[in-house]
């Protein structure tokens, strides 16, 4: 198989298009990911558990970023409503753009 080499000028527009086409997580994707932590199946997860995940897995968030994400989402028991939290995450992304 022959290999083709790209010049920077040829590569840059292709790369920029790839960056634009990256699909972000949908509401259903985020909902499915958060529901993994809903062990009792009652539509809530512990805020501390979500904080731990945000701090340690994947694209690790800083403490300030975690506080921004979690601010006002936990009830008095430290629980999050799964659906409300996921809607907040999606709506927050829309506002950032």
C-alpha atoms as a PDB file:
ATOM      1  CA  UNK A   1       0.000   0.000   0.000  1.00  0.00           C
ATOM      2  CA  UNK A   2       1.480   3.305  -1.038  1.00  0.00           C
ATOM      3  CA  UNK A   3       1.698   6.029   1.578  1.00  0.00           C
ATOM      4  CA  UNK A   4       0.906   9.626   0.748  1.00  0.00           C
ATOM      5  CA  UNK A   5       2.563  12.451   2.604  1.00  0.00           C
ATOM      6  CA  UNK A   6       0.619  15.617   3.321  1.00  0.00           C
ATOM      7  CA  UNK A   7       2.075  19.066   3.363  1.00  0.00           C
ATOM      8  CA  UNK A   8       1.028  21.185   6.318  1.00  0.00           C
ATOM      9  CA  UNK A   9      -1.091  23.405   4.059  1.00  0.00           C
ATOM     10  CA  UNK A  10      -3.008  20.340   2.816  1.00  0.00           C
ATOM     11  CA  UNK A  11      -3.381  18.782   6.249  1.00  0.00           C
ATOM     12  CA  UNK A  12      -4.636  21.818   8.173  1.00  0.00           C
ATOM     13  CA  UNK A  13      -8.037  22.206   6.413  1.00  0.00           C
ATOM     14  CA  UNK A  14      -8.713  18.476   6.747  1.00  0.00           C
ATOM     15  CA  UNK A  15      -7.801  18.536  10.433  1.00  0.00           C
ATOM     16  CA  UNK A  16      -9.949  21.605  11.082  1.00  0.00           C
ATOM     17  CA  UNK A  17     -12.943  19.863   9.490  1.00  0.00           C
ATOM     18  CA  UNK A  18     -12.387  16.789  11.646  1.00  0.00           C
ATOM     19  CA  UNK A  19     -12.400  18.985  14.761  1.00  0.00           C
ATOM     20  CA  UNK A  20     -15.695  20.570  13.691  1.00  0.00           C
ATOM     21  CA  UNK A  21     -17.269  17.185  13.006  1.00  0.00           C
ATOM     22  CA  UNK A  22     -16.472  15.702  16.434  1.00  0.00           C
ATOM     23  CA  UNK A  23     -19.778  14.611  17.910  1.00  0.00           C
ATOM     24  CA  UNK A  24     -20.278  15.567  21.522  1.00  0.00           C
ATOM     25  CA  UNK A  25     -22.209  13.363  23.882  1.00  0.00           C
ATOM     26  CA  UNK A  26     -25.957  13.561  23.542  1.00  0.00           C
ATOM     27  CA  UNK A  27     -28.384  13.805  26.431  1.00  0.00           C
ATOM     28  CA  UNK A  28     -29.032  10.053  26.184  1.00  0.00           C
ATOM     29  CA  UNK A  29     -25.288   9.283  26.271  1.00  0.00           C
ATOM     30  CA  UNK A  30     -24.780  11.390  29.379  1.00  0.00           C
ATOM     31  CA  UNK A  31     -27.929  10.026  31.006  1.00  0.00           C
ATOM     32  CA  UNK A  32     -26.778   6.449  30.411  1.00  0.00           C
ATOM     33  CA  UNK A  33     -23.348   7.235  31.857  1.00  0.00           C
ATOM     34  CA  UNK A  34     -24.731   8.846  35.013  1.00  0.00           C
ATOM     35  CA  UNK A  35     -27.355   6.132  35.540  1.00  0.00           C
ATOM     36  CA  UNK A  36     -24.531   3.626  36.001  1.00  0.00           C
ATOM     37  CA  UNK A  37     -24.084   5.183  39.443  1.00  0.00           C
ATOM     38  CA  UNK A  38     -27.791   4.950  40.328  1.00  0.00           C
ATOM     39  CA  UNK A  39     -27.372   1.677  42.200  1.00  0.00           C
ATOM     40  CA  UNK A  40     -30.850   1.732  43.764  1.00  0.00           C
ATOM     41  CA  UNK A  41     -32.597   2.646  40.514  1.00  0.00           C
ATOM     42  CA  UNK A  42     -34.430   5.550  42.131  1.00  0.00           C
ATOM     43  CA  UNK A  43     -33.200   8.305  39.805  1.00  0.00           C
ATOM     44  CA  UNK A  44     -30.587   9.714  42.181  1.00  0.00           C
ATOM     45  CA  UNK A  45     -26.835   9.385  42.569  1.00  0.00           C
ATOM     46  CA  UNK A  46     -24.504  10.547  45.294  1.00  0.00           C
ATOM     47  CA  UNK A  47     -22.804  13.835  44.484  1.00  0.00           C
ATOM     48  CA  UNK A  48     -19.588  12.654  46.158  1.00  0.00           C
ATOM     49  CA  UNK A  49     -19.406   9.716  43.763  1.00  0.00           C
ATOM     50  CA  UNK A  50     -19.861  11.965  40.716  1.00  0.00           C
ATOM     51  CA  UNK A  51     -17.223  14.363  42.090  1.00  0.00           C
ATOM     52  CA  UNK A  52     -14.803  11.450  42.448  1.00  0.00           C
ATOM     53  CA  UNK A  53     -15.447  10.308  38.869  1.00  0.00           C
ATOM     54  CA  UNK A  54     -14.974  13.830  37.488  1.00  0.00           C
ATOM     55  CA  UNK A  55     -11.719  14.162  39.410  1.00  0.00           C
ATOM     56  CA  UNK A  56     -10.191  10.787  38.514  1.00  0.00           C
ATOM     57  CA  UNK A  57     -11.509   9.378  35.218  1.00  0.00           C
ATOM     58  CA  UNK A  58     -11.152  10.457  31.608  1.00  0.00           C
ATOM     59  CA  UNK A  59     -10.583  14.168  31.139  1.00  0.00           C
ATOM     60  CA  UNK A  60      -9.810  14.961  34.759  1.00  0.00           C
ATOM     61  CA  UNK A  61     -11.406  18.171  36.001  1.00  0.00           C
ATOM     62  CA  UNK A  62      -9.819  20.586  38.436  1.00  0.00           C
ATOM     63  CA  UNK A  63     -11.497  21.210  41.805  1.00  0.00           C
ATOM     64  CA  UNK A  64     -12.767  24.580  40.507  1.00  0.00           C
ATOM     65  CA  UNK A  65     -14.240  22.972  37.378  1.00  0.00           C
ATOM     66  CA  UNK A  66     -15.930  20.315  39.497  1.00  0.00           C
ATOM     67  CA  UNK A  67     -17.396  22.992  41.772  1.00  0.00           C
ATOM     68  CA  UNK A  68     -18.737  24.834  38.712  1.00  0.00           C
ATOM     69  CA  UNK A  69     -20.383  21.659  37.416  1.00  0.00           C
ATOM     70  CA  UNK A  70     -21.820  20.597  40.753  1.00  0.00           C
ATOM     71  CA  UNK A  71     -22.848  24.030  42.084  1.00  0.00           C
ATOM     72  CA  UNK A  72     -26.488  23.934  43.179  1.00  0.00           C
ATOM     73  CA  UNK A  73     -27.114  20.395  41.932  1.00  0.00           C
ATOM     74  CA  UNK A  74     -26.988  18.458  45.205  1.00  0.00           C
ATOM     75  CA  UNK A  75     -29.890  18.222  47.631  1.00  0.00           C
ATOM     76  CA  UNK A  76     -29.532  18.379  51.424  1.00  0.00           C
ATOM     77  CA  UNK A  77     -28.512  14.701  51.491  1.00  0.00           C
ATOM     78  CA  UNK A  78     -25.757  15.190  48.916  1.00  0.00           C
ATOM     79  CA  UNK A  79     -27.751  13.420  46.181  1.00  0.00           C
ATOM     80  CA  UNK A  80     -28.264  14.460  42.574  1.00  0.00           C
ATOM     81  CA  UNK A  81     -31.391  13.893  40.521  1.00  0.00           C
ATOM     82  CA  UNK A  82     -30.049  12.036  37.469  1.00  0.00           C
ATOM     83  CA  UNK A  83     -32.306  13.596  34.835  1.00  0.00           C
ATOM     84  CA  UNK A  84     -32.066  17.142  36.218  1.00  0.00           C
ATOM     85  CA  UNK A  85     -28.284  16.878  36.420  1.00  0.00           C
ATOM     86  CA  UNK A  86     -27.976  15.598  32.839  1.00  0.00           C
ATOM     87  CA  UNK A  87     -30.239  18.376  31.517  1.00  0.00           C
ATOM     88  CA  UNK A  88     -28.096  20.881  33.414  1.00  0.00           C
ATOM     89  CA  UNK A  89     -24.938  19.473  31.806  1.00  0.00           C
ATOM     90  CA  UNK A  90     -26.405  19.669  28.298  1.00  0.00           C
ATOM     91  CA  UNK A  91     -27.867  23.157  28.791  1.00  0.00           C
ATOM     92  CA  UNK A  92     -24.591  24.368  30.275  1.00  0.00           C
ATOM     93  CA  UNK A  93     -22.702  23.184  27.183  1.00  0.00           C
ATOM     94  CA  UNK A  94     -25.122  25.051  24.926  1.00  0.00           C
ATOM     95  CA  UNK A  95     -24.581  28.282  26.864  1.00  0.00           C
ATOM     96  CA  UNK A  96     -20.775  27.957  26.616  1.00  0.00           C
ATOM     97  CA  UNK A  97     -20.834  27.881  22.794  1.00  0.00           C
END
